[in-house]
Amino acid sequence: MGSDLWDLIWEAGQIYNIRPGAPNIIERVEGGLFSYGNEMTRDNNPLEIGLRKFCSLDGSIDYIGREALEKIASEGETQQLRGLIFDGPRCPICAEPWPVLLNGEKIGQLTSGMYSPSLKANVAVGMIARDFWDYKGAVEINCLDSLKRNGIISAFPLK
């Protein structure tokens, strides 16, 4: 948007006392808004983090990394971001990855998580291995507070 449009929006919103802002971490996780450094780093590709619709994968546009991205698309991503909802007492805020396990096997990791007052549950975003994206059974989350909690893998927005 051009600065003229922003100025127009800003002026029109003054009677409502608008201010710049961003979603808090709970709203971000519940809504599936991902954060660089948490949900994604330079080690991830756009397909893993839900940006496939913004990638030209048919060879019609040339860009750096196109061949690598087309190869990943043809073979399929090995992991993707998913939502998780889990039980137990209010968990601490997940500031570093926590393992997600199924029958003792690591199937992914939480990248952001915390207690959601509106959902009355612990919620998280996690990078989950391909074979478990649509898994409907219980998984185990090992939180920083050393409590193992049962959870489910969910779509966004979390409900």
Protein backbone atom coordinates (compact mmCIF):
# COMPACT_ATOMS: atom_id res chain seq x y z
CA MET A 1 0.00 0.00 0.00
CA GLY A 2 1.19 3.47 -0.75
CA SER A 3 1.83 5.87 2.10
CA ASP A 4 -1.15 7.99 0.98
CA LEU A 5 -3.51 5.10 1.63
CA TRP A 6 -1.97 4.43 5.05
CA ASP A 7 -2.36 8.13 5.88
CA LEU A 8 -6.01 7.98 4.83
CA ILE A 9 -6.65 4.90 6.99
CA TRP A 10 -4.80 6.46 9.92
CA GLU A 11 -6.77 9.70 9.71
CA ALA A 12 -10.12 7.91 9.35
CA GLY A 13 -9.36 5.79 12.40
CA GLN A 14 -8.44 8.59 14.74
CA ILE A 15 -12.01 8.95 15.99
CA TYR A 16 -11.71 5.29 17.07
CA ASN A 17 -8.31 5.85 18.71
CA ILE A 18 -6.60 3.27 16.44
CA ARG A 19 -2.95 2.43 17.06
CA PRO A 20 -0.41 0.13 15.38
CA GLY A 21 -0.43 -3.37 16.76
CA ALA A 22 0.06 -7.04 16.23
CA PRO A 23 -1.70 -10.15 17.50
CA ASN A 24 -0.61 -11.44 20.86
CA ILE A 25 0.98 -14.89 20.94
CA ILE A 26 -2.27 -16.61 21.94
CA GLU A 27 -4.22 -15.06 19.04
CA ARG A 28 -1.32 -15.82 16.70
CA VAL A 29 -1.25 -19.52 17.59
CA GLU A 30 -5.03 -19.96 17.68
CA GLY A 31 -5.33 -18.37 14.24
CA GLY A 32 -2.37 -20.13 12.64
CA LEU A 33 -0.23 -17.02 12.11
CA PHE A 34 3.36 -18.17 11.96
CA SER A 35 6.41 -16.37 13.30
CA TYR A 36 9.88 -16.35 11.75
CA GLY A 37 12.29 -17.83 14.26
CA ASN A 38 9.60 -19.95 15.89
CA GLU A 39 7.62 -21.76 13.20
CA MET A 40 10.11 -21.22 10.41
CA THR A 41 13.80 -20.59 9.93
CA ARG A 42 16.22 -20.61 7.02
CA ASP A 43 16.17 -24.43 7.34
CA ASN A 44 12.54 -24.60 6.18
CA ASN A 45 11.14 -24.33 2.70
CA PRO A 46 7.93 -22.48 1.70
CA LEU A 47 6.01 -25.73 1.17
CA GLU A 48 6.53 -26.88 4.77
CA ILE A 49 5.14 -23.67 6.18
CA GLY A 50 1.96 -23.46 4.12
CA LEU A 51 3.09 -21.14 1.33
CA ARG A 52 2.65 -23.55 -1.61
CA LYS A 53 -0.06 -21.39 -3.21
CA PHE A 54 2.48 -18.57 -3.55
CA CYS A 55 5.10 -20.72 -5.32
CA SER A 56 5.35 -21.22 -9.07
CA LEU A 57 6.12 -24.92 -9.38
CA ASP A 58 5.45 -25.53 -13.07
CA GLY A 59 8.74 -24.15 -14.46
CA SER A 60 7.04 -21.15 -16.06
CA ILE A 61 8.92 -18.65 -13.86
CA ASP A 62 12.66 -18.74 -13.28
CA TYR A 63 13.94 -17.94 -9.78
CA ILE A 64 16.77 -18.94 -7.46
CA GLY A 65 16.00 -22.30 -5.88
CA ARG A 66 13.27 -23.21 -8.37
CA GLU A 67 14.67 -26.64 -9.21
CA ALA A 68 15.09 -27.55 -5.54
CA LEU A 69 11.57 -26.40 -4.71
CA GLU A 70 10.09 -28.27 -7.69
CA LYS A 71 11.92 -31.42 -6.54
CA ILE A 72 10.51 -31.06 -3.01
CA ALA A 73 7.03 -30.52 -4.49
CA SER A 74 7.29 -33.65 -6.66
CA GLU A 75 8.58 -35.82 -3.80
CA GLY A 76 6.36 -34.22 -1.17
CA GLU A 77 7.30 -32.33 1.94
CA THR A 78 8.69 -34.37 4.81
CA GLN A 79 7.10 -32.15 7.46
CA GLN A 80 4.47 -29.41 7.79
CA LEU A 81 3.12 -27.05 10.40
CA ARG A 82 0.01 -28.21 12.23
CA GLY A 83 -1.97 -27.05 15.23
CA LEU A 84 -2.06 -28.99 18.48
CA ILE A 85 -4.44 -28.87 21.41
CA PHE A 86 -3.34 -30.59 24.61
CA ASP A 87 -4.48 -31.23 28.15
CA GLY A 88 -2.99 -30.78 31.58
CA PRO A 89 -2.44 -27.72 33.71
CA ARG A 90 -1.57 -24.44 32.04
CA CYS A 91 1.72 -25.00 30.30
CA PRO A 92 4.55 -22.48 30.32
CA ILE A 93 5.05 -20.55 27.08
CA CYS A 94 6.99 -22.69 24.62
CA ALA A 95 10.08 -20.64 23.86
CA GLU A 96 12.16 -23.52 22.49
CA PRO A 97 11.03 -26.68 20.69
CA TRP A 98 9.24 -29.37 22.71
CA PRO A 99 9.03 -32.93 21.35
CA VAL A 100 5.78 -34.44 20.08
CA LEU A 101 5.76 -38.23 20.47
CA LEU A 102 3.61 -41.15 19.39
CA ASN A 103 4.29 -44.45 21.16
CA GLY A 104 7.66 -43.10 22.29
CA GLU A 105 8.72 -42.09 18.73
CA LYS A 106 9.36 -38.42 17.97
CA ILE A 107 7.00 -37.33 15.19
CA GLY A 108 7.57 -33.59 15.46
CA GLN A 109 8.08 -30.66 17.76
CA LEU A 110 6.12 -27.74 19.12
CA THR A 111 7.38 -24.42 17.88
CA SER A 112 5.03 -22.10 19.83
CA GLY A 113 2.60 -22.98 22.57
CA MET A 114 0.76 -21.71 25.62
CA TYR A 115 -2.53 -21.84 27.51
CA SER A 116 -5.54 -20.36 25.69
CA PRO A 117 -8.12 -18.84 28.06
CA SER A 118 -10.76 -18.70 25.31
CA LEU A 119 -10.35 -22.40 24.40
CA LYS A 120 -9.64 -23.44 28.02
CA ALA A 121 -6.82 -25.66 26.78
CA ASN A 122 -3.14 -25.58 25.96
CA VAL A 123 -2.61 -24.80 22.26
CA ALA A 124 0.41 -24.92 20.00
CA VAL A 125 1.86 -24.86 16.53
CA GLY A 126 4.16 -27.74 15.69
CA MET A 127 6.25 -29.05 12.83
CA ILE A 128 4.90 -32.57 12.28
CA ALA A 129 6.32 -35.41 10.14
CA ARG A 130 4.39 -36.28 6.94
CA ASP A 131 3.01 -39.62 8.10
CA PHE A 132 1.22 -37.95 11.01
CA TRP A 133 -0.30 -34.78 9.50
CA ASP A 134 -3.81 -36.17 9.62
CA TYR A 135 -3.40 -38.51 12.59
CA LYS A 136 -6.58 -38.44 14.69
CA GLY A 137 -5.39 -40.26 17.81
CA ALA A 138 -3.65 -38.95 20.91
CA VAL A 139 -0.06 -37.77 20.80
CA GLU A 140 2.22 -36.94 23.71
CA ILE A 141 3.75 -33.52 24.26
CA ASN A 142 6.77 -33.21 26.56
CA CYS A 143 6.60 -29.71 28.01
CA LEU A 144 9.41 -27.76 29.58
CA ASP A 145 7.83 -28.29 33.01
CA SER A 146 8.61 -32.03 32.64
CA LEU A 147 4.94 -32.98 32.45
CA LYS A 148 3.90 -35.29 29.64
CA ARG A 149 0.53 -34.24 28.25
CA ASN A 150 -1.89 -35.86 25.82
CA GLY A 151 -2.91 -33.87 22.78
CA ILE A 152 -4.35 -34.01 19.30
CA ILE A 153 -3.14 -32.69 15.97
CA SER A 154 -5.54 -30.09 14.59
CA ALA A 155 -6.16 -27.84 11.62
CA PHE A 156 -6.11 -24.03 11.86
CA PRO A 157 -7.75 -22.02 13.21
CA LEU A 158 -7.71 -23.95 16.48
CA LYS A 159 -11.15 -24.52 18.02
